[in-house]
C-alpha atoms as a PDB file:
ATOM      1  CA  MET A   1    -151.660   9.428 206.774  1.00  0.00           C
ATOM      2  CA  ILE A   2    -149.102   8.686 204.040  1.00  0.00           C
ATOM      3  CA  ALA A   3    -149.339   4.973 204.804  1.00  0.00           C
ATOM      4  CA  LYS A   4    -153.115   5.166 204.408  1.00  0.00           C
ATOM      5  CA  TYR A   5    -152.837   6.738 200.967  1.00  0.00           C
ATOM      6  CA  ILE A   6    -150.245   4.155 199.959  1.00  0.00           C
ATOM      7  CA  ALA A   7    -152.573   1.352 201.050  1.00  0.00           C
ATOM      8  CA  ILE A   8    -155.458   2.877 199.125  1.00  0.00           C
ATOM      9  CA  ALA A   9    -153.236   3.178 196.071  1.00  0.00           C
ATOM     10  CA  ILE A  10    -152.240  -0.471 196.378  1.00  0.00           C
ATOM     11  CA  VAL A  11    -155.858  -1.598 196.619  1.00  0.00           C
ATOM     12  CA  GLY A  12    -156.808   0.583 193.651  1.00  0.00           C
ATOM     13  CA  ALA A  13    -153.949  -0.717 191.542  1.00  0.00           C
ATOM     14  CA  ALA A  14    -154.799  -4.295 192.474  1.00  0.00           C
ATOM     15  CA  SER A  15    -158.443  -3.804 191.576  1.00  0.00           C
ATOM     16  CA  PHE A  16    -157.514  -2.333 188.208  1.00  0.00           C
ATOM     17  CA  ALA A  17    -155.050  -5.137 187.586  1.00  0.00           C
ATOM     18  CA  ALA A  18    -157.628  -7.746 188.556  1.00  0.00           C
ATOM     19  CA  ILE A  19    -160.091  -6.306 186.076  1.00  0.00           C
ATOM     20  CA  SER A  20    -157.422  -6.168 183.389  1.00  0.00           C
ATOM     21  CA  SER A  21    -156.127  -9.683 184.014  1.00  0.00           C
ATOM     22  CA  HIS A  22    -159.626 -11.171 184.284  1.00  0.00           C
ATOM     23  CA  ALA A  23    -160.061 -10.858 180.525  1.00  0.00           C
ATOM     24  CA  ASP A  24    -162.403 -13.620 179.421  1.00  0.00           C
ATOM     25  CA  ILE A  25    -161.667 -14.600 175.833  1.00  0.00           C
ATOM     26  CA  THR A  26    -164.807 -14.326 173.699  1.00  0.00           C
ATOM     27  CA  GLN A  27    -165.273 -15.499 170.116  1.00  0.00           C
ATOM     28  CA  THR A  28    -168.550 -15.143 168.186  1.00  0.00           C
ATOM     29  CA  PHE A  29    -169.705 -16.522 164.849  1.00  0.00           C
ATOM     30  CA  ASN A  30    -172.823 -14.973 163.253  1.00  0.00           C
ATOM     31  CA  PHE A  31    -174.953 -16.623 160.614  1.00  0.00           C
ATOM     32  CA  SER A  32    -178.154 -16.080 158.632  1.00  0.00           C
ATOM     33  CA  THR A  33    -180.149 -17.574 155.793  1.00  0.00           C
ATOM     34  CA  ASN A  34    -183.532 -17.220 154.138  1.00  0.00           C
ATOM     35  CA  ALA A  35    -185.805 -19.152 151.810  1.00  0.00           C
ATOM     36  CA  SER A  36    -189.134 -18.851 150.043  1.00  0.00           C
ATOM     37  CA  PHE A  37    -191.930 -21.423 149.970  1.00  0.00           C
ATOM     38  CA  SER A  38    -195.301 -21.944 148.290  1.00  0.00           C
ATOM     39  CA  GLU A  39    -198.081 -24.483 147.680  1.00  0.00           C
ATOM     40  CA  SER A  40    -198.117 -27.347 150.233  1.00  0.00           C
ATOM     41  CA  SER A  41    -195.185 -29.387 151.436  1.00  0.00           C
ATOM     42  CA  SER A  42    -192.987 -30.324 154.379  1.00  0.00           C
ATOM     43  CA  VAL A  43    -189.256 -29.866 153.991  1.00  0.00           C
ATOM     44  CA  PRO A  44    -186.152 -29.394 156.153  1.00  0.00           C
ATOM     45  CA  THR A  45    -185.788 -25.678 155.517  1.00  0.00           C
ATOM     46  CA  ILE A  46    -182.447 -25.703 157.337  1.00  0.00           C
ATOM     47  CA  PRO A  47    -180.717 -29.108 157.296  1.00  0.00           C
ATOM     48  CA  ARG A  48    -178.670 -30.293 160.240  1.00  0.00           C
ATOM     49  CA  GLY A  49    -175.061 -29.251 160.121  1.00  0.00           C
ATOM     50  CA  PHE A  50    -175.823 -26.226 157.955  1.00  0.00           C
ATOM     51  CA  PHE A  51    -174.585 -23.925 160.712  1.00  0.00           C
ATOM     52  CA  SER A  52    -171.122 -24.696 161.976  1.00  0.00           C
ATOM     53  CA  ALA A  53    -168.130 -22.780 163.264  1.00  0.00           C
ATOM     54  CA  THR A  54    -164.521 -23.452 164.197  1.00  0.00           C
ATOM     55  CA  PHE A  55    -163.066 -21.564 167.154  1.00  0.00           C
ATOM     56  CA  SER A  56    -159.485 -21.027 168.231  1.00  0.00           C
ATOM     57  CA  PRO A  57    -158.218 -23.031 171.213  1.00  0.00           C
ATOM     58  CA  TYR A  58    -157.397 -21.444 174.548  1.00  0.00           C
ATOM     59  CA  SER A  59    -154.057 -19.656 174.279  1.00  0.00           C
ATOM     60  CA  GLY A  60    -153.481 -18.510 177.865  1.00  0.00           C
ATOM     61  CA  ASP A  61    -152.047 -20.184 180.940  1.00  0.00           C
ATOM     62  CA  SER A  62    -153.905 -23.431 181.588  1.00  0.00           C
ATOM     63  CA  ASN A  63    -153.840 -22.701 185.323  1.00  0.00           C
ATOM     64  CA  ASP A  64    -155.950 -19.582 184.750  1.00  0.00           C
ATOM     65  CA  LEU A  65    -158.737 -21.337 182.848  1.00  0.00           C
ATOM     66  CA  THR A  66    -161.755 -22.082 185.063  1.00  0.00           C
ATOM     67  CA  GLY A  67    -163.985 -23.275 182.244  1.00  0.00           C
ATOM     68  CA  PHE A  68    -165.574 -22.367 178.955  1.00  0.00           C
ATOM     69  CA  GLN A  69    -169.097 -21.498 177.891  1.00  0.00           C
ATOM     70  CA  ILE A  70    -171.003 -22.125 174.666  1.00  0.00           C
ATOM     71  CA  ASP A  71    -173.999 -19.894 173.895  1.00  0.00           C
ATOM     72  CA  TRP A  72    -176.327 -20.478 170.941  1.00  0.00           C
ATOM     73  CA  THR A  73    -178.985 -17.891 170.020  1.00  0.00           C
ATOM     74  CA  ILE A  74    -181.073 -18.534 166.911  1.00  0.00           C
ATOM     75  CA  THR A  75    -184.163 -16.654 165.732  1.00  0.00           C
ATOM     76  CA  PHE A  76    -186.552 -18.218 163.203  1.00  0.00           C
ATOM     77  CA  SER A  77    -189.168 -16.096 161.383  1.00  0.00           C
ATOM     78  CA  ALA A  78    -191.777 -16.789 158.724  1.00  0.00           C
ATOM     79  CA  SER A  79    -194.652 -14.993 157.018  1.00  0.00           C
ATOM     80  CA  ALA A  80    -196.879 -15.912 154.083  1.00  0.00           C
ATOM     81  CA  LEU A  81    -199.913 -15.140 151.947  1.00  0.00           C
ATOM     82  CA  SER A  82    -202.635 -17.778 151.540  1.00  0.00           C
ATOM     83  CA  LYS A  83    -203.853 -18.960 148.168  1.00  0.00           C
ATOM     84  CA  PRO A  84    -207.156 -17.365 147.122  1.00  0.00           C
ATOM     85  CA  GLY A  85    -210.080 -19.174 148.716  1.00  0.00           C
ATOM     86  CA  PHE A  86    -207.884 -21.023 151.241  1.00  0.00           C
ATOM     87  CA  GLU A  87    -206.796 -20.377 154.805  1.00  0.00           C
ATOM     88  CA  GLY A  88    -203.118 -21.221 154.553  1.00  0.00           C
ATOM     89  CA  GLY A  89    -200.838 -22.014 157.422  1.00  0.00           C
ATOM     90  CA  PHE A  90    -197.392 -23.231 158.419  1.00  0.00           C
ATOM     91  CA  SER A  91    -195.759 -24.897 161.384  1.00  0.00           C
ATOM     92  CA  GLY A  92    -192.372 -26.317 162.227  1.00  0.00           C
ATOM     93  CA  GLY A  93    -189.490 -26.149 164.588  1.00  0.00           C
ATOM     94  CA  PRO A  94    -185.921 -27.129 165.374  1.00  0.00           C
ATOM     95  CA  GLY A  95    -184.531 -29.515 167.907  1.00  0.00           C
ATOM     96  CA  GLY A  96    -181.861 -28.291 170.267  1.00  0.00           C
ATOM     97  CA  ASN A  97    -179.047 -30.758 169.664  1.00  0.00           C
ATOM     98  CA  TYR A  98    -175.572 -29.587 168.744  1.00  0.00           C
ATOM     99  CA  LEU A  99    -172.107 -31.068 168.393  1.00  0.00           C
ATOM    100  CA  VAL A 100    -168.908 -30.011 170.130  1.00  0.00           C
ATOM    101  CA  ASN A 101    -165.967 -31.727 168.434  1.00  0.00           C
ATOM    102  CA  SER A 102    -168.370 -34.430 167.185  1.00  0.00           C
ATOM    103  CA  VAL A 103    -169.767 -35.090 170.681  1.00  0.00           C
ATOM    104  CA  GLY A 104    -173.515 -34.482 170.936  1.00  0.00           C
ATOM    105  CA  TYR A 105    -175.207 -32.342 173.587  1.00  0.00           C
ATOM    106  CA  ASP A 106    -178.925 -31.867 174.190  1.00  0.00           C
ATOM    107  CA  GLY A 107    -180.407 -28.387 174.298  1.00  0.00           C
ATOM    108  CA  ASN A 108    -183.638 -26.475 173.876  1.00  0.00           C
ATOM    109  CA  GLY A 109    -185.720 -26.672 170.728  1.00  0.00           C
ATOM    110  CA  GLY A 110    -188.703 -24.601 169.669  1.00  0.00           C
ATOM    111  CA  SER A 111    -191.797 -24.423 167.485  1.00  0.00           C
ATOM    112  CA  LEU A 112    -193.201 -21.964 165.000  1.00  0.00           C
ATOM    113  CA  SER A 113    -196.873 -22.030 163.966  1.00  0.00           C
ATOM    114  CA  ALA A 114    -199.387 -19.620 162.405  1.00  0.00           C
ATOM    115  CA  SER A 115    -202.346 -19.584 160.033  1.00  0.00           C
ATOM    116  CA  ALA A 116    -204.479 -17.083 158.136  1.00  0.00           C
ATOM    117  CA  SER A 117    -207.662 -15.845 159.782  1.00  0.00           C
ATOM    118  CA  SER A 118    -209.604 -15.731 156.500  1.00  0.00           C
ATOM    119  CA  PRO A 119    -209.455 -17.302 153.000  1.00  0.00           C
ATOM    120  CA  GLY A 120    -206.728 -15.742 150.939  1.00  0.00           C
ATOM    121  CA  GLY A 121    -205.517 -13.810 153.969  1.00  0.00           C
ATOM    122  CA  ALA A 122    -202.023 -12.945 155.046  1.00  0.00           C
ATOM    123  CA  ILE A 123    -200.176 -14.820 157.755  1.00  0.00           C
ATOM    124  CA  PRO A 124    -198.291 -12.188 159.762  1.00  0.00           C
ATOM    125  CA  LEU A 125    -194.618 -12.461 160.631  1.00  0.00           C
ATOM    126  CA  THR A 126    -194.199 -15.092 163.322  1.00  0.00           C
ATOM    127  CA  THR A 127    -190.954 -15.444 165.247  1.00  0.00           C
ATOM    128  CA  ILE A 128    -189.353 -17.730 167.822  1.00  0.00           C
ATOM    129  CA  THR A 129    -185.918 -17.526 169.431  1.00  0.00           C
ATOM    130  CA  VAL A 130    -184.047 -20.586 170.643  1.00  0.00           C
ATOM    131  CA  THR A 131    -181.250 -20.193 173.173  1.00  0.00           C
ATOM    132  CA  ASN A 132    -178.861 -22.812 174.484  1.00  0.00           C
ATOM    133  CA  ASP A 133    -176.233 -21.898 177.080  1.00  0.00           C
ATOM    134  CA  ARG A 134    -173.879 -24.449 178.591  1.00  0.00           C
ATOM    135  CA  ILE A 135    -170.937 -24.013 180.956  1.00  0.00           C
ATOM    136  CA  PHE A 136    -168.098 -26.541 180.989  1.00  0.00           C
ATOM    137  CA  LEU A 137    -166.101 -26.131 184.211  1.00  0.00           C
ATOM    138  CA  THR A 138    -162.537 -27.415 184.123  1.00  0.00           C
ATOM    139  CA  ALA A 139    -163.176 -29.110 187.481  1.00  0.00           C
ATOM    140  CA  ASN A 140    -165.990 -31.141 185.900  1.00  0.00           C
ATOM    141  CA  ALA A 141    -163.944 -32.631 183.066  1.00  0.00           C
ATOM    142  CA  GLY A 142    -164.639 -36.363 183.093  1.00  0.00           C
ATOM    143  CA  LEU A 143    -167.731 -35.858 185.251  1.00  0.00           C
ATOM    144  CA  THR A 144    -170.212 -33.931 183.109  1.00  0.00           C
ATOM    145  CA  TYR A 145    -168.356 -33.916 179.806  1.00  0.00           C
ATOM    146  CA  ASP A 146    -165.627 -35.776 177.952  1.00  0.00           C
ATOM    147  CA  PRO A 147    -162.201 -34.820 179.375  1.00  0.00           C
ATOM    148  CA  ALA A 148    -160.775 -35.122 175.856  1.00  0.00           C
ATOM    149  CA  LEU A 149    -162.629 -31.910 175.040  1.00  0.00           C
ATOM    150  CA  LEU A 150    -160.669 -29.956 177.640  1.00  0.00           C
ATOM    151  CA  ALA A 151    -157.454 -31.677 176.612  1.00  0.00           C
ATOM    152  CA  ASN A 152    -158.003 -30.602 173.016  1.00  0.00           C
ATOM    153  CA  ILE A 153    -158.541 -26.975 173.973  1.00  0.00           C
ATOM    154  CA  LEU A 154    -155.489 -26.847 176.213  1.00  0.00           C
ATOM    155  CA  GLY A 155    -153.509 -28.743 173.601  1.00  0.00           C
ATOM    156  CA  ALA A 156    -154.026 -26.013 170.996  1.00  0.00           C
ATOM    157  CA  SER A 157    -156.668 -27.935 169.031  1.00  0.00           C
ATOM    158  CA  PRO A 158    -159.541 -25.958 167.497  1.00  0.00           C
ATOM    159  CA  LEU A 159    -163.090 -26.351 168.772  1.00  0.00           C
ATOM    160  CA  ASP A 160    -165.681 -27.343 166.152  1.00  0.00           C
ATOM    161  CA  LEU A 161    -169.324 -26.506 166.857  1.00  0.00           C
ATOM    162  CA  LYS A 162    -172.232 -27.615 164.706  1.00  0.00           C
ATOM    163  CA  TRP A 163    -176.018 -27.271 165.017  1.00  0.00           C
ATOM    164  CA  ASP A 164    -177.119 -30.900 164.648  1.00  0.00           C
ATOM    165  CA  THR A 165    -180.891 -30.697 164.098  1.00  0.00           C
ATOM    166  CA  ASP A 166    -183.084 -29.848 161.141  1.00  0.00           C
ATOM    167  CA  PHE A 167    -185.559 -27.017 161.033  1.00  0.00           C
ATOM    168  CA  SER A 168    -188.465 -28.638 159.181  1.00  0.00           C
ATOM    169  CA  LEU A 169    -191.296 -26.422 158.028  1.00  0.00           C
ATOM    170  CA  GLY A 170    -194.649 -27.828 157.015  1.00  0.00           C
ATOM    171  CA  TYR A 171    -197.078 -25.589 155.129  1.00  0.00           C
ATOM    172  CA  GLY A 172    -200.302 -25.751 153.173  1.00  0.00           C
ATOM    173  CA  SER A 173    -202.292 -23.594 150.728  1.00  0.00           C
ATOM    174  CA  ILE A 174    -199.553 -20.973 150.500  1.00  0.00           C
ATOM    175  CA  LEU A 175    -199.410 -18.570 147.557  1.00  0.00           C
ATOM    176  CA  SER A 176    -196.050 -17.183 148.651  1.00  0.00           C
ATOM    177  CA  GLY A 177    -194.061 -17.253 151.844  1.00  0.00           C
ATOM    178  CA  ASP A 178    -190.707 -16.233 153.267  1.00  0.00           C
ATOM    179  CA  PHE A 179    -188.614 -17.876 155.956  1.00  0.00           C
ATOM    180  CA  SER A 180    -185.499 -16.457 157.585  1.00  0.00           C
ATOM    181  CA  GLU A 181    -183.056 -17.404 160.298  1.00  0.00           C
ATOM    182  CA  THR A 182    -180.461 -15.294 162.080  1.00  0.00           C
ATOM    183  CA  GLY A 183    -178.316 -16.160 165.026  1.00  0.00           C
ATOM    184  CA  SER A 184    -174.933 -16.612 166.571  1.00  0.00           C
ATOM    185  CA  VAL A 185    -172.839 -19.010 168.568  1.00  0.00           C
ATOM    186  CA  THR A 186    -170.393 -17.645 171.128  1.00  0.00           C
ATOM    187  CA  LEU A 187    -167.510 -19.382 172.839  1.00  0.00           C
ATOM    188  CA  ILE A 188    -166.172 -17.844 176.050  1.00  0.00           C
ATOM    189  CA  TYR A 189    -163.023 -18.975 177.844  1.00  0.00           C
ATOM    190  CA  ASN A 190    -163.453 -18.012 181.510  1.00  0.00           C
ATOM    191  CA  THR A 191    -160.288 -17.077 183.380  1.00  0.00           C
ATOM    192  CA  VAL A 192    -159.251 -15.958 186.880  1.00  0.00           C
ATOM    193  CA  PRO A 193    -156.886 -13.153 187.987  1.00  0.00           C
ATOM    194  CA  GLU A 194    -153.223 -14.018 188.171  1.00  0.00           C
ATOM    195  CA  PRO A 195    -151.955 -15.044 191.666  1.00  0.00           C
ATOM    196  CA  GLY A 196    -149.689 -11.990 191.818  1.00  0.00           C
ATOM    197  CA  THR A 197    -152.672  -9.682 191.389  1.00  0.00           C
ATOM    198  CA  LEU A 198    -154.550 -11.392 194.201  1.00  0.00           C
ATOM    199  CA  ALA A 199    -151.500 -11.117 196.450  1.00  0.00           C
ATOM    200  CA  LEU A 200    -151.245  -7.384 195.724  1.00  0.00           C
ATOM    201  CA  ALA A 201    -154.904  -6.885 196.610  1.00  0.00           C
ATOM    202  CA  GLY A 202    -154.428  -8.832 199.831  1.00  0.00           C
ATOM    203  CA  LEU A 203    -151.419  -6.700 200.802  1.00  0.00           C
ATOM    204  CA  GLY A 204    -153.354  -3.466 200.333  1.00  0.00           C
ATOM    205  CA  ALA A 205    -156.318  -4.757 202.306  1.00  0.00           C
ATOM    206  CA  SER A 206    -154.016  -5.881 205.145  1.00  0.00           C
ATOM    207  CA  VAL A 207    -152.414  -2.446 205.394  1.00  0.00           C
ATOM    208  CA  LEU A 208    -155.821  -0.756 205.560  1.00  0.00           C
ATOM    209  CA  CYS A 209    -156.944  -3.111 208.334  1.00  0.00           C
ATOM    210  CA  TRP A 210    -153.730  -2.436 210.274  1.00  0.00           C
ATOM    211  CA  LEU A 211    -154.275   1.315 209.980  1.00  0.00           C
ATOM    212  CA  ARG A 212    -157.859   1.040 211.232  1.00  0.00           C
ATOM    213  CA  ARG A 213    -156.766  -0.993 214.271  1.00  0.00           C
ATOM    214  CA  ARG A 214    -153.971   1.463 215.012  1.00  0.00           C
ATOM    215  CA  LYS A 215    -156.351   4.425 214.835  1.00  0.00           C
ATOM    216  CA  ALA A 216    -158.777   2.697 217.212  1.00  0.00           C
END
């Protein structure tokens, strides 16, 4: 009976240690901006490269790193009031390209479009959200992405991320309008439990199996 409790304690301790040691390193950069517009025009409301962030390199044991993940989430919103006697409208959208240490990657873009239902009417708040998630596995370095990227991270070099597409908004017959953007980019270093933790879990599981066979 004592051996059983010891085995259970070992498994419990190993599970807790595995959870503790499997601490993915997460860094997030938040950003936002807004602008007003009127009359009729077509402009890059948010120019490429306006949103950028520099993240710290991976600081743990290189043997524990299984990969890293980059997550972009950006929400674009606009609303406006048409000029008297006109049915105003706007439309636009971003591409989904971004840079990781000056290397370009393709992602998802989006579009934003709305118009007034009557002359001089209001154009209600219209919103789109663009998400781009990409996982870079260490095993795929040189296969699906530049191995220099992984070498930089493991070599204590920072990781530079930059949104590399414009958000161009075209609009017509607008008395007044407002545009806003909020979002974030997150970098996650994915890690695995240390070998010692896995060995401890295996020992506890082996003892439990031995006890079950002995009881049978």
